[in-house]
Amino acid sequence: MRDKIRIASGQGFWGDLIDAPYNQVTKGEIDYLVMDYLAEVTMSILQKQKNKNPKFGYARDIPALMKRILPVCKEKNIKVITNGGGVNPIACAEAIIDSAKEIGIDNLKIGVVVGDDIKDRIDEIIETGCELNNMETGESIKIVKDELLSANVYFGAFPIVEALKQGADIVITGRTTDTGLTLAPMIYEFGWEADNYDLLSAGTIAGHILECGAQSTGGNFLGDWQSIENMAEIGFPIAEAYPNGEVVITKHENTGGKVSFETVAEQLVYEIGDPKSYITPDCIANFSTIKLEDLGNNRVKVFDIKGEKDTPTYKVSCSYSSGYSAVGTLAYSWPQALTKAKAADKILRKRLENLNLKFDEINTDFVGYNATQGPLSAEIDEDKINEIMLRIAVRSS
């Protein structure tokens, strides 16, 4: 068993900083490069692409990216793990093999994790007594079953662990949890058991810190963000993991950004609900037990994490066809920019009514006033507003 491993984040979403993976494998020592591509909306985008072309359905920038980093990864024995396989991980793996052959690499071992796509098994699953009810509304999936575009189970770390055990240099998955990408190499390298929920939770929280790329190295920092240097060349986070579950979050030297108590703490509360019950397929991590220690020099220790047994069920992410939408924008300048925009909104709505156009939903935002804060937006002095962008959107099934 190794005494530590270094796991580097290379992507936090599809379309993230294109140089980040190359920088992670070249600017310092790492053992694993993990790349998270999948937001929920990404799955529906990829499914639409696959419906048009059965060879698509994955993040198609991956083959070119792998072509660039593979020589370094082979030289340094760096393994790559990514969920960029989307809804077509096998096609993604085949494209990587083709790219590798173009640069003379033909002994590549790629592990592919499949089985998360359950779209064609919905009826079978319902017949077993699992209603697949909406987590928020309780409505049955039967309401939208005929309009489903995709249905994917969130897998955790252990299918990736199995691929690593079989000698994979690269592991391509579909809908795997963001945290599972980082947890998997810890389980594999340190031999963590599936029922050691404290250790699994420690790896899960490390994955949560890494999953959004440069957010934890200052990219999403709301504190003294103006003082962070060289944001244009921000370094992505690295988890220096140890067998006892302790993790040190850091980044490569001579890169931009900042790793501090504050930047890591802020990422910890990003996109979580109950901090005592962060549910994953591998465990339920308790964020309220986390301790942080700023070691200085862009190093923060994360430790003393507790967790509980995983739930007996998996979460499923579904997308379905719900009609069409249209969006229009128009800018209004000083004076009375907001008043003009509000008047235009009323005019547009009246014209739609006069045309007898029926919509399921109409939504108006005044960008520069309430587009992000909505009803919580404070009143403003209109004389001090330079401009307002009216944004009106409609949806119809």
Protein backbone atom coordinates (compact mmCIF):
# COMPACT_ATOMS: atom_id res chain seq x y z
CA MET A 1 0.00 0.00 0.00
CA ARG A 2 1.29 3.45 -0.89
CA ASP A 3 1.80 6.03 1.86
CA LYS A 4 0.08 8.77 -0.16
CA ILE A 5 -1.30 9.58 -3.61
CA ARG A 6 -1.84 12.88 -5.41
CA ILE A 7 -5.13 13.25 -7.28
CA ALA A 8 -5.50 16.27 -9.55
CA SER A 9 -8.68 17.87 -10.85
CA GLY A 10 -8.51 18.52 -14.58
CA GLN A 11 -12.04 19.65 -15.46
CA GLY A 12 -14.97 20.86 -13.40
CA PHE A 13 -17.54 20.91 -16.20
CA TRP A 14 -17.78 20.42 -19.94
CA GLY A 15 -16.18 23.55 -21.37
CA ASP A 16 -13.80 24.22 -18.48
CA LEU A 17 -10.29 25.64 -18.95
CA ILE A 18 -8.90 23.63 -21.84
CA ASP A 19 -5.26 23.83 -20.68
CA ALA A 20 -5.98 22.63 -17.14
CA PRO A 21 -5.43 18.89 -17.73
CA TYR A 22 -2.14 19.50 -19.53
CA ASN A 23 -0.97 21.84 -16.79
CA GLN A 24 -1.85 19.30 -14.12
CA VAL A 25 0.20 16.52 -15.71
CA THR A 26 3.20 18.70 -16.63
CA LYS A 27 3.67 21.30 -13.88
CA GLY A 28 4.26 18.88 -11.01
CA GLU A 29 3.92 15.33 -9.78
CA ILE A 30 0.52 13.65 -9.67
CA ASP A 31 -0.68 10.05 -9.71
CA TYR A 32 -4.24 10.49 -10.98
CA LEU A 33 -5.99 13.04 -13.17
CA VAL A 34 -9.76 13.18 -12.66
CA MET A 35 -12.05 15.10 -14.99
CA ASP A 36 -15.69 15.83 -14.26
CA TYR A 37 -17.78 16.78 -17.29
CA LEU A 38 -21.36 16.03 -16.30
CA ALA A 39 -23.94 18.45 -15.02
CA GLU A 40 -27.54 17.24 -15.21
CA VAL A 41 -28.25 19.44 -18.22
CA THR A 42 -25.15 18.01 -19.92
CA MET A 43 -26.70 14.55 -19.97
CA SER A 44 -29.72 15.79 -21.91
CA ILE A 45 -27.48 17.68 -24.36
CA LEU A 46 -25.36 14.57 -24.93
CA GLN A 47 -28.45 12.40 -25.38
CA LYS A 48 -29.78 14.76 -28.05
CA GLN A 49 -26.43 14.52 -29.84
CA LYS A 50 -26.47 10.73 -29.66
CA ASN A 51 -30.02 10.64 -31.01
CA LYS A 52 -28.76 12.51 -34.08
CA ASN A 53 -25.59 10.45 -34.44
CA PRO A 54 -25.08 7.14 -32.57
CA LYS A 55 -21.31 7.75 -32.54
CA PHE A 56 -21.80 10.89 -30.42
CA GLY A 57 -23.06 11.32 -26.86
CA TYR A 58 -19.76 11.97 -25.09
CA ALA A 59 -17.61 15.06 -24.51
CA ARG A 60 -16.04 15.20 -27.95
CA ASP A 61 -13.08 17.34 -26.91
CA ILE A 62 -11.72 14.40 -24.90
CA PRO A 63 -9.93 12.55 -27.76
CA ALA A 64 -7.93 15.65 -28.75
CA LEU A 65 -7.19 16.37 -25.10
CA MET A 66 -5.99 12.81 -24.51
CA LYS A 67 -3.83 12.98 -27.60
CA ARG A 68 -2.07 15.94 -26.01
CA ILE A 69 -1.56 14.51 -22.52
CA LEU A 70 -1.14 10.78 -23.18
CA PRO A 71 2.62 10.89 -23.84
CA VAL A 72 3.16 12.60 -20.48
CA CYS A 73 0.73 10.29 -18.69
CA LYS A 74 2.48 7.21 -20.07
CA GLU A 75 5.91 8.58 -19.13
CA LYS A 76 4.85 9.49 -15.58
CA ASN A 77 2.44 6.56 -15.08
CA ILE A 78 -0.49 8.91 -14.48
CA LYS A 79 -3.93 7.29 -14.61
CA VAL A 80 -6.91 9.23 -15.94
CA ILE A 81 -10.49 8.91 -14.68
CA THR A 82 -13.40 10.78 -16.27
CA ASN A 83 -17.17 10.66 -16.56
CA GLY A 84 -16.88 12.40 -19.92
CA GLY A 85 -18.21 9.24 -21.55
CA GLY A 86 -21.63 10.77 -20.96
CA VAL A 87 -24.32 8.62 -22.55
CA ASN A 88 -21.87 6.83 -24.87
CA PRO A 89 -18.74 5.84 -22.92
CA ILE A 90 -17.81 3.02 -25.30
CA ALA A 91 -17.71 5.41 -28.27
CA CYS A 92 -15.59 7.76 -26.17
CA ALA A 93 -13.12 4.98 -25.40
CA GLU A 94 -12.93 4.00 -29.07
CA ALA A 95 -12.21 7.60 -30.05
CA ILE A 96 -9.41 7.78 -27.46
CA ILE A 97 -7.88 4.58 -28.83
CA ASP A 98 -7.89 6.08 -32.32
CA SER A 99 -6.23 9.25 -31.04
CA ALA A 100 -3.60 7.23 -29.19
CA LYS A 101 -2.75 5.23 -32.29
CA GLU A 102 -2.21 8.45 -34.22
CA ILE A 103 0.68 9.29 -31.89
CA GLY A 104 2.09 5.77 -31.76
CA ILE A 105 0.53 4.59 -28.50
CA ASP A 106 -1.09 1.21 -29.07
CA ASN A 107 -0.79 -0.52 -25.70
CA LEU A 108 -3.40 1.55 -23.92
CA LYS A 109 -5.71 -0.14 -21.41
CA ILE A 110 -9.07 1.60 -21.11
CA GLY A 111 -11.72 0.54 -18.62
CA VAL A 112 -15.29 1.47 -19.51
CA VAL A 113 -18.05 1.60 -16.90
CA VAL A 114 -21.52 1.03 -18.35
CA GLY A 115 -24.94 0.14 -16.98
CA ASP A 116 -26.08 3.54 -15.73
CA ASP A 117 -28.44 4.00 -18.69
CA ILE A 118 -31.83 2.57 -17.63
CA LYS A 119 -34.08 4.37 -20.10
CA ASP A 120 -35.12 1.12 -21.78
CA ARG A 121 -35.70 -0.59 -18.41
CA ILE A 122 -38.19 1.83 -16.89
CA ASP A 123 -41.20 -0.50 -17.21
CA GLU A 124 -39.19 -3.42 -15.83
CA ILE A 125 -38.09 -1.37 -12.82
CA ILE A 126 -41.61 -0.08 -12.12
CA GLU A 127 -42.92 -3.66 -12.19
CA THR A 128 -40.55 -4.55 -9.35
CA GLY A 129 -42.31 -2.01 -7.14
CA CYS A 130 -39.88 0.87 -7.55
CA GLU A 131 -42.07 3.76 -8.66
CA LEU A 132 -39.19 6.11 -9.55
CA ASN A 133 -41.15 8.99 -8.06
CA ASN A 134 -39.93 12.56 -8.43
CA MET A 135 -37.74 13.38 -5.41
CA GLU A 136 -39.23 16.87 -5.05
CA THR A 137 -42.89 16.47 -6.02
CA GLY A 138 -43.54 12.77 -5.41
CA GLU A 139 -45.07 12.44 -8.88
CA SER A 140 -44.67 9.11 -10.64
CA ILE A 141 -42.33 8.83 -13.59
CA LYS A 142 -45.30 7.40 -15.49
CA ILE A 143 -46.44 11.00 -16.10
CA VAL A 144 -43.44 11.71 -18.34
CA LYS A 145 -42.39 8.16 -19.26
CA ASP A 146 -43.43 8.44 -22.89
CA GLU A 147 -41.45 11.69 -23.28
CA LEU A 148 -38.22 10.47 -21.68
CA LEU A 149 -35.00 11.33 -23.47
CA SER A 150 -32.61 9.86 -20.93
CA ALA A 151 -32.57 8.10 -17.57
CA ASN A 152 -29.27 7.46 -15.85
CA VAL A 153 -28.40 6.01 -12.46
CA TYR A 154 -25.71 7.76 -10.44
CA PHE A 155 -22.96 5.21 -9.91
CA GLY A 156 -20.36 5.67 -7.20
CA ALA A 157 -16.68 4.84 -6.90
CA PHE A 158 -16.65 1.05 -6.82
CA PRO A 159 -17.18 0.33 -10.55
CA ILE A 160 -14.16 2.56 -11.19
CA VAL A 161 -12.21 0.66 -8.54
CA GLU A 162 -12.95 -2.57 -10.39
CA ALA A 163 -11.63 -1.07 -13.63
CA LEU A 164 -8.43 0.01 -11.84
CA LYS A 165 -8.02 -3.49 -10.42
CA GLN A 166 -8.13 -4.83 -13.97
CA GLY A 167 -5.18 -2.64 -14.90
CA ALA A 168 -6.87 0.27 -16.66
CA ASP A 169 -4.69 3.25 -17.57
CA ILE A 170 -7.82 5.28 -18.31
CA VAL A 171 -11.31 4.79 -16.91
CA ILE A 172 -14.26 6.19 -18.89
CA THR A 173 -17.67 6.27 -17.24
CA GLY A 174 -21.14 7.55 -17.85
CA ARG A 175 -23.20 9.08 -15.04
CA THR A 176 -20.82 8.60 -12.12
CA THR A 177 -21.00 10.97 -9.17
CA ASP A 178 -18.51 13.81 -9.24
CA THR A 179 -17.14 12.69 -5.88
CA GLY A 180 -16.74 9.07 -6.95
CA LEU A 181 -14.06 10.01 -9.47
CA THR A 182 -11.74 11.10 -6.64
CA LEU A 183 -12.81 8.52 -4.07
CA ALA A 184 -12.13 5.57 -6.39
CA PRO A 185 -8.32 5.82 -6.52
CA MET A 186 -8.19 6.14 -2.73
CA ILE A 187 -10.19 2.94 -2.30
CA TYR A 188 -8.02 1.19 -4.87
CA GLU A 189 -4.63 2.36 -3.60
CA PHE A 190 -5.31 2.15 0.14
CA GLY A 191 -7.52 -0.93 0.18
CA TRP A 192 -10.41 0.78 1.95
CA GLU A 193 -13.33 -1.52 2.72
CA ALA A 194 -16.83 -0.84 1.46
CA ASP A 195 -18.16 -0.63 5.03
CA ASN A 196 -15.58 1.82 6.39
CA TYR A 197 -17.89 4.77 6.04
CA ASP A 198 -15.62 7.29 7.75
CA LEU A 199 -12.86 6.69 5.20
CA LEU A 200 -15.31 6.63 2.30
CA SER A 201 -16.75 9.91 3.54
CA ALA A 202 -13.26 11.42 3.74
CA GLY A 203 -12.63 10.50 0.11
CA THR A 204 -16.07 11.74 -0.86
CA ILE A 205 -15.44 15.14 0.68
CA ALA A 206 -12.08 15.34 -1.06
CA GLY A 207 -13.97 14.69 -4.27
CA HIS A 208 -16.46 17.43 -3.42
CA ILE A 209 -13.58 19.88 -3.05
CA LEU A 210 -12.02 18.84 -6.37
CA GLU A 211 -15.16 18.36 -8.45
CA CYS A 212 -15.66 21.98 -9.53
CA GLY A 213 -12.13 22.56 -10.73
CA ALA A 214 -10.66 25.93 -9.80
CA GLN A 215 -13.52 26.92 -7.50
CA SER A 216 -11.57 25.63 -4.49
CA THR A 217 -8.39 27.42 -5.55
CA GLY A 218 -10.00 30.84 -5.50
CA GLY A 219 -12.07 30.78 -8.66
CA ASN A 220 -15.36 31.08 -6.75
CA PHE A 221 -14.07 32.94 -3.70
CA LEU A 222 -16.32 35.67 -2.30
CA GLY A 223 -13.89 36.88 0.34
CA ASP A 224 -10.86 38.98 -0.51
CA TRP A 225 -10.98 37.81 -4.11
CA GLN A 226 -9.28 40.93 -5.46
CA SER A 227 -6.05 39.89 -3.76
CA ILE A 228 -5.83 36.53 -5.54
CA GLU A 229 -3.00 36.62 -8.05
CA ASN A 230 -2.82 35.45 -11.64
CA MET A 231 -6.41 34.28 -12.02
CA ALA A 232 -5.92 33.98 -15.78
CA GLU A 233 -3.56 31.06 -15.13
CA ILE A 234 -5.27 29.69 -12.06
CA GLY A 235 -4.00 26.37 -10.75
CA PHE A 236 -6.52 23.58 -10.37
CA PRO A 237 -6.76 21.72 -7.03
CA ILE A 238 -4.85 18.62 -6.03
CA ALA A 239 -5.82 16.24 -3.22
CA GLU A 240 -2.82 14.75 -1.46
CA ALA A 241 -4.51 11.74 0.11
CA TYR A 242 -3.32 9.46 2.91
CA PRO A 243 -4.45 5.96 4.00
CA ASN A 244 -5.95 7.26 7.28
CA GLY A 245 -8.38 9.48 5.37
CA GLU A 246 -6.55 12.74 5.89
CA VAL A 247 -6.28 14.90 2.79
CA VAL A 248 -4.22 17.99 2.03
CA ILE A 249 -5.69 20.25 -0.65
CA THR A 250 -3.04 22.08 -2.65
CA LYS A 251 -2.07 23.12 -6.18
CA HIS A 252 1.06 23.13 -8.28
CA GLU A 253 3.68 25.74 -7.47
CA ASN A 254 3.99 28.77 -9.74
CA THR A 255 0.33 28.67 -10.75
CA GLY A 256 -2.29 31.31 -10.10
CA GLY A 257 -5.05 31.20 -7.55
CA LYS A 258 -4.97 30.45 -3.86
CA VAL A 259 -5.59 27.51 -1.53
CA SER A 260 -6.53 28.65 1.95
CA PHE A 261 -8.85 27.81 4.81
CA GLU A 262 -11.37 30.23 3.31
CA THR A 263 -11.29 28.99 -0.30
CA VAL A 264 -11.65 25.36 0.77
CA ALA A 265 -14.36 26.12 3.33
CA GLU A 266 -16.38 28.02 0.74
CA GLN A 267 -16.24 25.10 -1.68
CA LEU A 268 -17.39 22.73 1.06
CA VAL A 269 -20.77 24.46 1.28
CA TYR A 270 -21.24 24.63 -2.49
CA GLU A 271 -24.32 22.72 -3.70
CA ILE A 272 -25.09 20.87 -0.49
CA GLY A 273 -28.37 20.48 1.37
CA ASP A 274 -28.30 18.96 4.86
CA PRO A 275 -24.60 19.12 5.85
CA LYS A 276 -25.03 16.10 8.10
CA SER A 277 -26.47 14.00 5.28
CA TYR A 278 -24.54 14.34 2.03
CA ILE A 279 -25.90 11.28 0.24
CA THR A 280 -23.84 9.44 -2.36
CA PRO A 281 -23.96 5.87 -3.70
CA ASP A 282 -20.92 5.07 -1.54
CA CYS A 283 -21.79 6.58 1.84
CA ILE A 284 -23.55 9.41 3.64
CA ALA A 285 -20.89 11.98 4.50
CA ASN A 286 -21.30 14.25 7.51
CA PHE A 287 -19.95 17.67 6.57
CA SER A 288 -20.52 18.97 10.11
CA THR A 289 -17.60 16.85 11.35
CA ILE A 290 -15.01 18.27 8.96
CA LYS A 291 -11.96 19.96 10.41
CA LEU A 292 -9.69 22.24 8.38
CA GLU A 293 -6.15 23.34 9.17
CA ASP A 294 -4.39 25.93 7.03
CA LEU A 295 -0.80 24.71 6.73
CA GLY A 296 0.31 27.74 4.74
CA ASN A 297 1.98 27.78 1.33
CA ASN A 298 -1.30 26.86 -0.43
CA ARG A 299 -1.88 23.72 1.64
CA VAL A 300 -5.02 23.00 3.68
CA LYS A 301 -5.46 19.81 5.70
CA VAL A 302 -8.94 18.24 5.75
CA PHE A 303 -9.49 15.63 8.46
CA ASP A 304 -11.62 14.03 11.22
CA ILE A 305 -14.48 13.25 8.85
CA LYS A 306 -17.32 10.93 9.83
CA GLY A 307 -19.91 9.16 7.75
CA GLU A 308 -22.65 6.56 7.69
CA LYS A 309 -23.82 3.65 5.59
CA ASP A 310 -25.03 4.36 2.07
CA THR A 311 -28.74 4.30 1.27
CA PRO A 312 -30.37 1.16 -0.21
CA THR A 313 -31.35 3.03 -3.39
CA TYR A 314 -29.64 5.00 -6.12
CA LYS A 315 -30.63 8.38 -7.49
CA VAL A 316 -31.70 8.55 -11.14
CA SER A 317 -31.38 11.62 -13.32
CA CYS A 318 -33.98 11.86 -16.08
CA SER A 319 -34.57 14.29 -18.90
CA TYR A 320 -37.72 14.47 -20.98
CA SER A 321 -39.17 16.47 -23.81
CA SER A 322 -41.31 19.31 -22.51
CA GLY A 323 -42.05 21.36 -25.59
CA TYR A 324 -40.24 24.42 -26.86
CA SER A 325 -38.90 27.67 -25.50
CA ALA A 326 -37.97 31.02 -26.96
CA VAL A 327 -36.01 33.89 -25.44
CA GLY A 328 -35.78 37.52 -26.52
CA THR A 329 -33.69 40.39 -25.15
CA LEU A 330 -33.69 44.12 -25.64
CA ALA A 331 -31.48 46.78 -24.02
CA TYR A 332 -32.75 50.08 -22.59
CA SER A 333 -30.44 52.95 -21.66
CA TRP A 334 -30.62 55.87 -19.26
CA PRO A 335 -32.77 57.78 -18.50
CA GLN A 336 -35.55 55.67 -16.89
CA ALA A 337 -34.04 52.44 -18.19
CA LEU A 338 -35.92 50.21 -15.74
CA THR A 339 -39.23 51.99 -16.28
CA LYS A 340 -38.86 51.61 -20.04
CA ALA A 341 -38.03 47.92 -19.73
CA LYS A 342 -41.05 47.29 -17.49
CA ALA A 343 -43.30 49.11 -19.94
CA ALA A 344 -41.90 47.05 -22.82
CA ASP A 345 -42.62 43.85 -20.88
CA LYS A 346 -46.29 44.82 -20.55
CA ILE A 347 -46.47 45.71 -24.23
CA LEU A 348 -44.96 42.38 -25.30
CA ARG A 349 -47.29 40.38 -23.08
CA LYS A 350 -50.32 42.26 -24.43
CA ARG A 351 -49.21 41.63 -28.02
CA LEU A 352 -48.83 37.91 -27.30
CA GLU A 353 -52.32 37.93 -25.82
CA ASN A 354 -53.72 39.74 -28.86
CA LEU A 355 -52.17 37.09 -31.10
CA ASN A 356 -53.99 34.45 -29.02
CA LEU A 357 -50.70 32.69 -28.32
CA LYS A 358 -50.95 30.33 -25.35
CA PHE A 359 -47.87 29.48 -23.29
CA ASP A 360 -47.32 27.22 -20.32
CA GLU A 361 -45.01 29.77 -18.79
CA ILE A 362 -43.82 33.33 -19.39
CA ASN A 363 -40.90 34.71 -17.41
CA THR A 364 -39.40 38.19 -17.37
CA ASP A 365 -36.03 39.28 -15.98
CA PHE A 366 -34.57 42.75 -15.86
CA VAL A 367 -30.86 42.10 -16.19
CA GLY A 368 -28.99 44.65 -14.14
CA TYR A 369 -31.76 44.74 -11.54
CA ASN A 370 -33.29 41.39 -10.55
CA ALA A 371 -32.08 38.64 -12.91
CA THR A 372 -30.03 36.84 -10.23
CA GLN A 373 -31.59 37.90 -6.92
CA GLY A 374 -35.22 37.89 -8.07
CA PRO A 375 -37.70 39.10 -5.42
CA LEU A 376 -34.83 39.61 -2.96
CA SER A 377 -33.40 42.39 -5.11
CA ALA A 378 -33.13 45.72 -3.32
CA GLU A 379 -34.82 48.79 -4.73
CA ILE A 380 -32.49 50.95 -6.81
CA ASP A 381 -32.19 54.60 -7.74
CA GLU A 382 -33.23 54.55 -11.38
CA ASP A 383 -31.37 57.78 -12.12
CA LYS A 384 -28.12 55.94 -11.39
CA ILE A 385 -28.80 53.02 -13.75
CA ASN A 386 -26.94 53.26 -17.04
CA GLU A 387 -28.83 50.46 -18.74
CA ILE A 388 -31.21 47.53 -18.25
CA MET A 389 -31.57 44.42 -20.40
CA LEU A 390 -35.12 43.13 -20.74
CA ARG A 391 -35.13 39.35 -21.04
CA ILE A 392 -38.45 37.63 -21.69
CA ALA A 393 -38.78 33.87 -22.12
CA VAL A 394 -41.73 31.66 -23.03
CA ARG A 395 -42.26 27.91 -22.86
CA SER A 396 -44.95 25.84 -24.50
CA SER A 397 -45.61 22.13 -24.69
